Amino acid sequence: PKAMYEPVHGSAPDITGQAKANPIACILSFAMALRYSFDQGAEADRLEAAIEKVLADGARTGDLMGPEGGTPLSTTEMGDVILAALDASL
């Protein structure tokens, strides 16, 4: 099936070029494409599990920081830790 997969939060022009955008919704949109358009449910599961792992391990972008504090990851850093978790799942 053909479909459009996109995060619904918009393009965030107010933070363009600041490396503050959270890439998780965009990555999860790709997981939906894997599952529903490419019949790659196992790969979608692996991608979703990688995201769950990095969040469980405490990785956060600025918008996800809670009262416990810490240093927020940049857009690229969050993408990198998700890729590392995905690679580790092989």
PDB file of N, CA and C in Angstrom:
ATOM      1  N   PRO A   1       0.823  -1.205   0.000  1.00  0.00           N
ATOM      2  CA  PRO A   1       0.000   0.000   0.000  1.00  0.00           C
ATOM      3  C   PRO A   1       0.861   1.260   0.000  1.00  0.00           C
ATOM      4  N   LYS A   2       0.334   2.273  -0.609  1.00  0.00           N
ATOM      5  CA  LYS A   2       1.019   3.562  -0.655  1.00  0.00           C
ATOM      6  C   LYS A   2       0.419   4.476   0.402  1.00  0.00           C
ATOM      7  N   ALA A   3       1.277   5.224   1.038  1.00  0.00           N
ATOM      8  CA  ALA A   3       0.826   6.142   2.080  1.00  0.00           C
ATOM      9  C   ALA A   3       1.870   7.218   2.279  1.00  0.00           C
ATOM     10  N   MET A   4       1.506   8.250   3.020  1.00  0.00           N
ATOM     11  CA  MET A   4       2.449   9.290   3.408  1.00  0.00           C
ATOM     12  C   MET A   4       2.681   9.152   4.904  1.00  0.00           C
ATOM     13  N   TYR A   5       3.931   9.133   5.281  1.00  0.00           N
ATOM     14  CA  TYR A   5       4.290   9.002   6.687  1.00  0.00           C
ATOM     15  C   TYR A   5       5.083  10.234   7.080  1.00  0.00           C
ATOM     16  N   GLU A   6       4.575  10.952   8.071  1.00  0.00           N
ATOM     17  CA  GLU A   6       5.282  12.152   8.511  1.00  0.00           C
ATOM     18  C   GLU A   6       4.938  12.456   9.965  1.00  0.00           C
ATOM     19  N   PRO A   7       5.880  13.042  10.667  1.00  0.00           N
ATOM     20  CA  PRO A   7       5.561  13.488  12.029  1.00  0.00           C
ATOM     21  C   PRO A   7       4.599  14.667  11.924  1.00  0.00           C
ATOM     22  N   VAL A   8       3.717  14.817  12.879  1.00  0.00           N
ATOM     23  CA  VAL A   8       2.697  15.846  12.792  1.00  0.00           C
ATOM     24  C   VAL A   8       3.066  17.138  13.503  1.00  0.00           C
ATOM     25  N   HIS A   9       4.274  17.215  14.038  1.00  0.00           N
ATOM     26  CA  HIS A   9       4.629  18.389  14.826  1.00  0.00           C
ATOM     27  C   HIS A   9       5.072  19.578  13.989  1.00  0.00           C
ATOM     28  N   GLY A  10       5.219  19.430  12.690  1.00  0.00           N
ATOM     29  CA  GLY A  10       5.609  20.542  11.840  1.00  0.00           C
ATOM     30  C   GLY A  10       7.111  20.662  11.691  1.00  0.00           C
ATOM     31  N   SER A  11       7.538  21.713  11.036  1.00  0.00           N
ATOM     32  CA  SER A  11       8.951  21.865  10.681  1.00  0.00           C
ATOM     33  C   SER A  11       9.770  22.646  11.705  1.00  0.00           C
ATOM     34  N   ALA A  12       9.158  23.208  12.708  1.00  0.00           N
ATOM     35  CA  ALA A  12       9.843  23.937  13.790  1.00  0.00           C
ATOM     36  C   ALA A  12      10.794  25.015  13.271  1.00  0.00           C
ATOM     37  N   PRO A  13      10.307  25.956  12.475  1.00  0.00           N
ATOM     38  CA  PRO A  13      11.195  26.980  11.920  1.00  0.00           C
ATOM     39  C   PRO A  13      11.852  27.853  12.986  1.00  0.00           C
ATOM     40  N   ASP A  14      11.272  27.901  14.177  1.00  0.00           N
ATOM     41  CA  ASP A  14      11.840  28.726  15.247  1.00  0.00           C
ATOM     42  C   ASP A  14      13.152  28.166  15.798  1.00  0.00           C
ATOM     43  N   ILE A  15      13.444  26.883  15.517  1.00  0.00           N
ATOM     44  CA  ILE A  15      14.699  26.309  16.003  1.00  0.00           C
ATOM     45  C   ILE A  15      15.589  25.813  14.852  1.00  0.00           C
ATOM     46  N   THR A  16      15.307  26.257  13.649  1.00  0.00           N
ATOM     47  CA  THR A  16      16.111  25.871  12.496  1.00  0.00           C
ATOM     48  C   THR A  16      17.583  26.188  12.730  1.00  0.00           C
ATOM     49  N   GLY A  17      18.432  25.218  12.429  1.00  0.00           N
ATOM     50  CA  GLY A  17      19.873  25.407  12.532  1.00  0.00           C
ATOM     51  C   GLY A  17      20.446  25.384  13.938  1.00  0.00           C
ATOM     52  N   GLN A  18      19.629  25.083  14.940  1.00  0.00           N
ATOM     53  CA  GLN A  18      20.099  25.093  16.326  1.00  0.00           C
ATOM     54  C   GLN A  18      20.363  23.699  16.893  1.00  0.00           C
ATOM     55  N   ALA A  19      20.126  22.655  16.099  1.00  0.00           N
ATOM     56  CA  ALA A  19      20.344  21.256  16.530  1.00  0.00           C
ATOM     57  C   ALA A  19      19.512  20.898  17.758  1.00  0.00           C
ATOM     58  N   LYS A  20      18.322  21.493  17.875  1.00  0.00           N
ATOM     59  CA  LYS A  20      17.448  21.229  19.019  1.00  0.00           C
ATOM     60  C   LYS A  20      16.271  20.316  18.687  1.00  0.00           C
ATOM     61  N   ALA A  21      16.048  20.052  17.417  1.00  0.00           N
ATOM     62  CA  ALA A  21      14.877  19.267  17.019  1.00  0.00           C
ATOM     63  C   ALA A  21      15.010  17.820  17.475  1.00  0.00           C
ATOM     64  N   ASN A  22      13.927  17.270  17.942  1.00  0.00           N
ATOM     65  CA  ASN A  22      13.882  15.879  18.365  1.00  0.00           C
ATOM     66  C   ASN A  22      13.591  15.030  17.122  1.00  0.00           C
ATOM     67  N   PRO A  23      14.495  14.122  16.723  1.00  0.00           N
ATOM     68  CA  PRO A  23      14.293  13.348  15.497  1.00  0.00           C
ATOM     69  C   PRO A  23      13.422  12.105  15.663  1.00  0.00           C
ATOM     70  N   ILE A  24      12.969  11.823  16.872  1.00  0.00           N
ATOM     71  CA  ILE A  24      12.289  10.555  17.125  1.00  0.00           C
ATOM     72  C   ILE A  24      11.000  10.403  16.322  1.00  0.00           C
ATOM     73  N   ALA A  25      10.174  11.418  16.239  1.00  0.00           N
ATOM     74  CA  ALA A  25       8.917  11.292  15.497  1.00  0.00           C
ATOM     75  C   ALA A  25       9.180  11.012  14.021  1.00  0.00           C
ATOM     76  N   CYS A  26      10.175  11.644  13.469  1.00  0.00           N
ATOM     77  CA  CYS A  26      10.522  11.407  12.068  1.00  0.00           C
ATOM     78  C   CYS A  26      10.995   9.968  11.875  1.00  0.00           C
ATOM     79  N   ILE A  27      11.816   9.487  12.786  1.00  0.00           N
ATOM     80  CA  ILE A  27      12.319   8.121  12.697  1.00  0.00           C
ATOM     81  C   ILE A  27      11.184   7.122  12.866  1.00  0.00           C
ATOM     82  N   LEU A  28      10.265   7.402  13.783  1.00  0.00           N
ATOM     83  CA  LEU A  28       9.112   6.511  13.962  1.00  0.00           C
ATOM     84  C   LEU A  28       8.186   6.528  12.748  1.00  0.00           C
ATOM     85  N   SER A  29       8.144   7.650  12.021  1.00  0.00           N
ATOM     86  CA  SER A  29       7.387   7.698  10.774  1.00  0.00           C
ATOM     87  C   SER A  29       7.973   6.706   9.772  1.00  0.00           C
ATOM     88  N   PHE A  30       9.303   6.620   9.743  1.00  0.00           N
ATOM     89  CA  PHE A  30       9.945   5.648   8.868  1.00  0.00           C
ATOM     90  C   PHE A  30       9.627   4.222   9.311  1.00  0.00           C
ATOM     91  N   ALA A  31       9.566   3.989  10.616  1.00  0.00           N
ATOM     92  CA  ALA A  31       9.187   2.660  11.107  1.00  0.00           C
ATOM     93  C   ALA A  31       7.784   2.297  10.619  1.00  0.00           C
ATOM     94  N   MET A  32       6.888   3.261  10.599  1.00  0.00           N
ATOM     95  CA  MET A  32       5.542   3.007  10.068  1.00  0.00           C
ATOM     96  C   MET A  32       5.609   2.634   8.589  1.00  0.00           C
ATOM     97  N   ALA A  33       6.435   3.322   7.820  1.00  0.00           N
ATOM     98  CA  ALA A  33       6.592   2.997   6.403  1.00  0.00           C
ATOM     99  C   ALA A  33       7.140   1.576   6.244  1.00  0.00           C
ATOM    100  N   LEU A  34       8.134   1.226   7.055  1.00  0.00           N
ATOM    101  CA  LEU A  34       8.674  -0.129   6.990  1.00  0.00           C
ATOM    102  C   LEU A  34       7.566  -1.157   7.212  1.00  0.00           C
ATOM    103  N   ARG A  35       6.753  -0.908   8.214  1.00  0.00           N
ATOM    104  CA  ARG A  35       5.711  -1.868   8.589  1.00  0.00           C
ATOM    105  C   ARG A  35       4.580  -1.931   7.563  1.00  0.00           C
ATOM    106  N   TYR A  36       4.052  -0.788   7.168  1.00  0.00           N
ATOM    107  CA  TYR A  36       2.816  -0.780   6.391  1.00  0.00           C
ATOM    108  C   TYR A  36       3.003  -0.704   4.879  1.00  0.00           C
ATOM    109  N   SER A  37       4.078  -0.127   4.397  1.00  0.00           N
ATOM    110  CA  SER A  37       4.279  -0.036   2.947  1.00  0.00           C
ATOM    111  C   SER A  37       5.292  -1.048   2.424  1.00  0.00           C
ATOM    112  N   PHE A  38       6.253  -1.427   3.261  1.00  0.00           N
ATOM    113  CA  PHE A  38       7.322  -2.299   2.787  1.00  0.00           C
ATOM    114  C   PHE A  38       7.269  -3.705   3.367  1.00  0.00           C
ATOM    115  N   ASP A  39       6.231  -3.989   4.183  1.00  0.00           N
ATOM    116  CA  ASP A  39       6.052  -5.312   4.777  1.00  0.00           C
ATOM    117  C   ASP A  39       7.312  -5.783   5.503  1.00  0.00           C
ATOM    118  N   GLN A  40       7.921  -4.864   6.242  1.00  0.00           N
ATOM    119  CA  GLN A  40       9.140  -5.147   7.007  1.00  0.00           C
ATOM    120  C   GLN A  40       8.867  -4.933   8.492  1.00  0.00           C
ATOM    121  N   GLY A  41       7.847  -5.621   8.994  1.00  0.00           N
ATOM    122  CA  GLY A  41       7.435  -5.452  10.381  1.00  0.00           C
ATOM    123  C   GLY A  41       8.538  -5.748  11.384  1.00  0.00           C
ATOM    124  N   ALA A  42       9.353  -6.754  11.103  1.00  0.00           N
ATOM    125  CA  ALA A  42      10.437  -7.096  12.031  1.00  0.00           C
ATOM    126  C   ALA A  42      11.454  -5.963  12.116  1.00  0.00           C
ATOM    127  N   GLU A  43      11.743  -5.328  10.995  1.00  0.00           N
ATOM    128  CA  GLU A  43      12.680  -4.201  11.003  1.00  0.00           C
ATOM    129  C   GLU A  43      12.065  -2.989  11.701  1.00  0.00           C
ATOM    130  N   ALA A  44      10.776  -2.779  11.513  1.00  0.00           N
ATOM    131  CA  ALA A  44      10.090  -1.694  12.225  1.00  0.00           C
ATOM    132  C   ALA A  44      10.144  -1.941  13.726  1.00  0.00           C
ATOM    133  N   ASP A  45       9.918  -3.188  14.133  1.00  0.00           N
ATOM    134  CA  ASP A  45      10.000  -3.542  15.559  1.00  0.00           C
ATOM    135  C   ASP A  45      11.395  -3.260  16.104  1.00  0.00           C
ATOM    136  N   ARG A  46      12.416  -3.597  15.323  1.00  0.00           N
ATOM    137  CA  ARG A  46      13.804  -3.385  15.752  1.00  0.00           C
ATOM    138  C   ARG A  46      14.105  -1.904  15.913  1.00  0.00           C
ATOM    139  N   LEU A  47      13.615  -1.097  14.986  1.00  0.00           N
ATOM    140  CA  LEU A  47      13.822   0.349  15.063  1.00  0.00           C
ATOM    141  C   LEU A  47      13.098   0.937  16.273  1.00  0.00           C
ATOM    142  N   GLU A  48      11.857   0.527  16.474  1.00  0.00           N
ATOM    143  CA  GLU A  48      11.099   1.013  17.636  1.00  0.00           C
ATOM    144  C   GLU A  48      11.757   0.582  18.950  1.00  0.00           C
ATOM    145  N   ALA A  49      12.273  -0.634  18.994  1.00  0.00           N
ATOM    146  CA  ALA A  49      12.952  -1.114  20.199  1.00  0.00           C
ATOM    147  C   ALA A  49      14.228  -0.314  20.466  1.00  0.00           C
ATOM    148  N   ALA A  50      14.935   0.072  19.414  1.00  0.00           N
ATOM    149  CA  ALA A  50      16.147   0.883  19.589  1.00  0.00           C
ATOM    150  C   ALA A  50      15.793   2.227  20.215  1.00  0.00           C
ATOM    151  N   ILE A  51      14.700   2.827  19.778  1.00  0.00           N
ATOM    152  CA  ILE A  51      14.274   4.104  20.347  1.00  0.00           C
ATOM    153  C   ILE A  51      13.855   3.921  21.806  1.00  0.00           C
ATOM    154  N   GLU A  52      13.101   2.872  22.077  1.00  0.00           N
ATOM    155  CA  GLU A  52      12.698   2.600  23.457  1.00  0.00           C
ATOM    156  C   GLU A  52      13.921   2.410  24.357  1.00  0.00           C
ATOM    157  N   LYS A  53      14.956   1.734  23.846  1.00  0.00           N
ATOM    158  CA  LYS A  53      16.160   1.491  24.633  1.00  0.00           C
ATOM    159  C   LYS A  53      16.879   2.789  24.967  1.00  0.00           C
ATOM    160  N   VAL A  54      17.081   3.662  23.975  1.00  0.00           N
ATOM    161  CA  VAL A  54      17.825   4.892  24.272  1.00  0.00           C
ATOM    162  C   VAL A  54      17.043   5.783  25.235  1.00  0.00           C
ATOM    163  N   LEU A  55      15.723   5.783  25.117  1.00  0.00           N
ATOM    164  CA  LEU A  55      14.927   6.562  26.073  1.00  0.00           C
ATOM    165  C   LEU A  55      14.999   5.942  27.465  1.00  0.00           C
ATOM    166  N   ALA A  56      14.939   4.622  27.539  1.00  0.00           N
ATOM    167  CA  ALA A  56      15.045   3.945  28.834  1.00  0.00           C
ATOM    168  C   ALA A  56      16.415   4.174  29.463  1.00  0.00           C
ATOM    169  N   ASP A  57      17.434   4.326  28.620  1.00  0.00           N
ATOM    170  CA  ASP A  57      18.787   4.575  29.112  1.00  0.00           C
ATOM    171  C   ASP A  57      19.015   6.036  29.502  1.00  0.00           C
ATOM    172  N   GLY A  58      18.008   6.884  29.272  1.00  0.00           N
ATOM    173  CA  GLY A  58      18.097   8.271  29.713  1.00  0.00           C
ATOM    174  C   GLY A  58      18.456   9.290  28.652  1.00  0.00           C
ATOM    175  N   ALA A  59      18.617   8.878  27.396  1.00  0.00           N
ATOM    176  CA  ALA A  59      18.932   9.835  26.331  1.00  0.00           C
ATOM    177  C   ALA A  59      17.727  10.752  26.119  1.00  0.00           C
ATOM    178  N   ARG A  60      17.975  12.039  26.031  1.00  0.00           N
ATOM    179  CA  ARG A  60      16.907  13.027  25.876  1.00  0.00           C
ATOM    180  C   ARG A  60      17.378  14.194  25.025  1.00  0.00           C
ATOM    181  N   THR A  61      16.481  14.688  24.188  1.00  0.00           N
ATOM    182  CA  THR A  61      16.679  15.990  23.563  1.00  0.00           C
ATOM    183  C   THR A  61      16.075  17.016  24.515  1.00  0.00           C
ATOM    184  N   GLY A  62      16.320  18.274  24.277  1.00  0.00           N
ATOM    185  CA  GLY A  62      15.869  19.326  25.193  1.00  0.00           C
ATOM    186  C   GLY A  62      14.391  19.298  25.499  1.00  0.00           C
ATOM    187  N   ASP A  63      13.569  18.967  24.508  1.00  0.00           N
ATOM    188  CA  ASP A  63      12.123  18.963  24.718  1.00  0.00           C
ATOM    189  C   ASP A  63      11.655  17.832  25.617  1.00  0.00           C
ATOM    190  N   LEU A  64      12.497  16.835  25.834  1.00  0.00           N
ATOM    191  CA  LEU A  64      12.127  15.689  26.663  1.00  0.00           C
ATOM    192  C   LEU A  64      12.772  15.711  28.046  1.00  0.00           C
ATOM    193  N   MET A  65      13.538  16.748  28.325  1.00  0.00           N
ATOM    194  CA  MET A  65      14.217  16.823  29.622  1.00  0.00           C
ATOM    195  C   MET A  65      13.199  16.969  30.741  1.00  0.00           C
ATOM    196  N   GLY A  66      13.414  16.237  31.786  1.00  0.00           N
ATOM    197  CA  GLY A  66      12.542  16.312  32.940  1.00  0.00           C
ATOM    198  C   GLY A  66      13.219  17.014  34.092  1.00  0.00           C
ATOM    199  N   PRO A  67      12.607  16.974  35.259  1.00  0.00           N
ATOM    200  CA  PRO A  67      13.148  17.669  36.424  1.00  0.00           C
ATOM    201  C   PRO A  67      14.464  17.074  36.927  1.00  0.00           C
ATOM    202  N   GLU A  68      14.777  15.846  36.508  1.00  0.00           N
ATOM    203  CA  GLU A  68      16.031  15.232  36.964  1.00  0.00           C
ATOM    204  C   GLU A  68      17.254  15.896  36.349  1.00  0.00           C
ATOM    205  N   GLY A  69      17.035  16.717  35.315  1.00  0.00           N
ATOM    206  CA  GLY A  69      18.138  17.460  34.716  1.00  0.00           C
ATOM    207  C   GLY A  69      18.954  16.633  33.752  1.00  0.00           C
ATOM    208  N   GLY A  70      20.208  16.995  33.623  1.00  0.00           N
ATOM    209  CA  GLY A  70      21.080  16.332  32.671  1.00  0.00           C
ATOM    210  C   GLY A  70      21.408  17.264  31.525  1.00  0.00           C
ATOM    211  N   THR A  71      22.149  16.750  30.580  1.00  0.00           N
ATOM    212  CA  THR A  71      22.526  17.532  29.410  1.00  0.00           C
ATOM    213  C   THR A  71      21.761  17.014  28.209  1.00  0.00           C
ATOM    214  N   PRO A  72      20.967  17.853  27.571  1.00  0.00           N
ATOM    215  CA  PRO A  72      20.195  17.378  26.415  1.00  0.00           C
ATOM    216  C   PRO A  72      21.108  17.075  25.235  1.00  0.00           C
ATOM    217  N   LEU A  73      20.733  16.065  24.477  1.00  0.00           N
ATOM    218  CA  LEU A  73      21.453  15.715  23.263  1.00  0.00           C
ATOM    219  C   LEU A  73      20.986  16.598  22.110  1.00  0.00           C
ATOM    220  N   SER A  74      21.867  16.833  21.181  1.00  0.00           N
ATOM    221  CA  SER A  74      21.488  17.549  19.961  1.00  0.00           C
ATOM    222  C   SER A  74      20.713  16.599  19.050  1.00  0.00           C
ATOM    223  N   THR A  75      20.161  17.128  17.997  1.00  0.00           N
ATOM    224  CA  THR A  75      19.452  16.316  17.008  1.00  0.00           C
ATOM    225  C   THR A  75      20.364  15.202  16.497  1.00  0.00           C
ATOM    226  N   THR A  76      21.570  15.563  16.108  1.00  0.00           N
ATOM    227  CA  THR A  76      22.521  14.595  15.568  1.00  0.00           C
ATOM    228  C   THR A  76      22.933  13.572  16.612  1.00  0.00           C
ATOM    229  N   GLU A  77      23.181  14.013  17.822  1.00  0.00           N
ATOM    230  CA  GLU A  77      23.573  13.080  18.883  1.00  0.00           C
ATOM    231  C   GLU A  77      22.469  12.072  19.166  1.00  0.00           C
ATOM    232  N   MET A  78      21.223  12.520  19.188  1.00  0.00           N
ATOM    233  CA  MET A  78      20.113  11.590  19.419  1.00  0.00           C
ATOM    234  C   MET A  78      20.023  10.589  18.271  1.00  0.00           C
ATOM    235  N   GLY A  79      20.159  11.069  17.058  1.00  0.00           N
ATOM    236  CA  GLY A  79      20.164  10.152  15.918  1.00  0.00           C
ATOM    237  C   GLY A  79      21.290   9.142  16.023  1.00  0.00           C
ATOM    238  N   ASP A  80      22.458   9.597  16.458  1.00  0.00           N
ATOM    239  CA  ASP A  80      23.614   8.705  16.595  1.00  0.00           C
ATOM    240  C   ASP A  80      23.390   7.628  17.650  1.00  0.00           C
ATOM    241  N   VAL A  81      22.798   7.985  18.796  1.00  0.00           N
ATOM    242  CA  VAL A  81      22.578   6.955  19.826  1.00  0.00           C
ATOM    243  C   VAL A  81      21.503   5.976  19.395  1.00  0.00           C
ATOM    244  N   ILE A  82      20.525   6.445  18.624  1.00  0.00           N
ATOM    245  CA  ILE A  82      19.506   5.522  18.101  1.00  0.00           C
ATOM    246  C   ILE A  82      20.144   4.571  17.090  1.00  0.00           C
ATOM    247  N   LEU A  83      20.990   5.089  16.207  1.00  0.00           N
ATOM    248  CA  LEU A  83      21.686   4.226  15.248  1.00  0.00           C
ATOM    249  C   LEU A  83      22.575   3.211  15.955  1.00  0.00           C
ATOM    250  N   ALA A  84      23.260   3.628  17.005  1.00  0.00           N
ATOM    251  CA  ALA A  84      24.118   2.716  17.759  1.00  0.00           C
ATOM    252  C   ALA A  84      23.284   1.601  18.389  1.00  0.00           C
ATOM    253  N   ALA A  85      22.123   1.945  18.948  1.00  0.00           N
ATOM    254  CA  ALA A  85      21.252   0.938  19.545  1.00  0.00           C
ATOM    255  C   ALA A  85      20.705   0.006  18.465  1.00  0.00           C
ATOM    256  N   LEU A  86      20.409   0.542  17.310  1.00  0.00           N
ATOM    257  CA  LEU A  86      19.921  -0.274  16.198  1.00  0.00           C
ATOM    258  C   LEU A  86      21.023  -1.228  15.738  1.00  0.00           C
ATOM    259  N   ASP A  87      22.240  -0.740  15.602  1.00  0.00           N
ATOM    260  CA  ASP A  87      23.366  -1.597  15.218  1.00  0.00           C
ATOM    261  C   ASP A  87      23.600  -2.697  16.248  1.00  0.00           C
ATOM    262  N   ALA A  88      23.488  -2.332  17.520  1.00  0.00           N
ATOM    263  CA  ALA A  88      23.716  -3.304  18.592  1.00  0.00           C
ATOM    264  C   ALA A  88      22.671  -4.416  18.605  1.00  0.00           C
ATOM    265  N   SER A  89      21.533  -4.166  17.986  1.00  0.00           N
ATOM    266  CA  SER A  89      20.455  -5.172  17.975  1.00  0.00           C
ATOM    267  C   SER A  89      20.634  -6.227  16.901  1.00  0.00           C
ATOM    268  N   LEU A  90      21.646  -6.081  16.065  1.00  0.00           N
ATOM    269  CA  LEU A  90      21.870  -7.080  15.000  1.00  0.00           C
ATOM    270  C   LEU A  90      22.444  -8.366  15.550  1.00  0.00           C
TER     271      LEU A  90
END
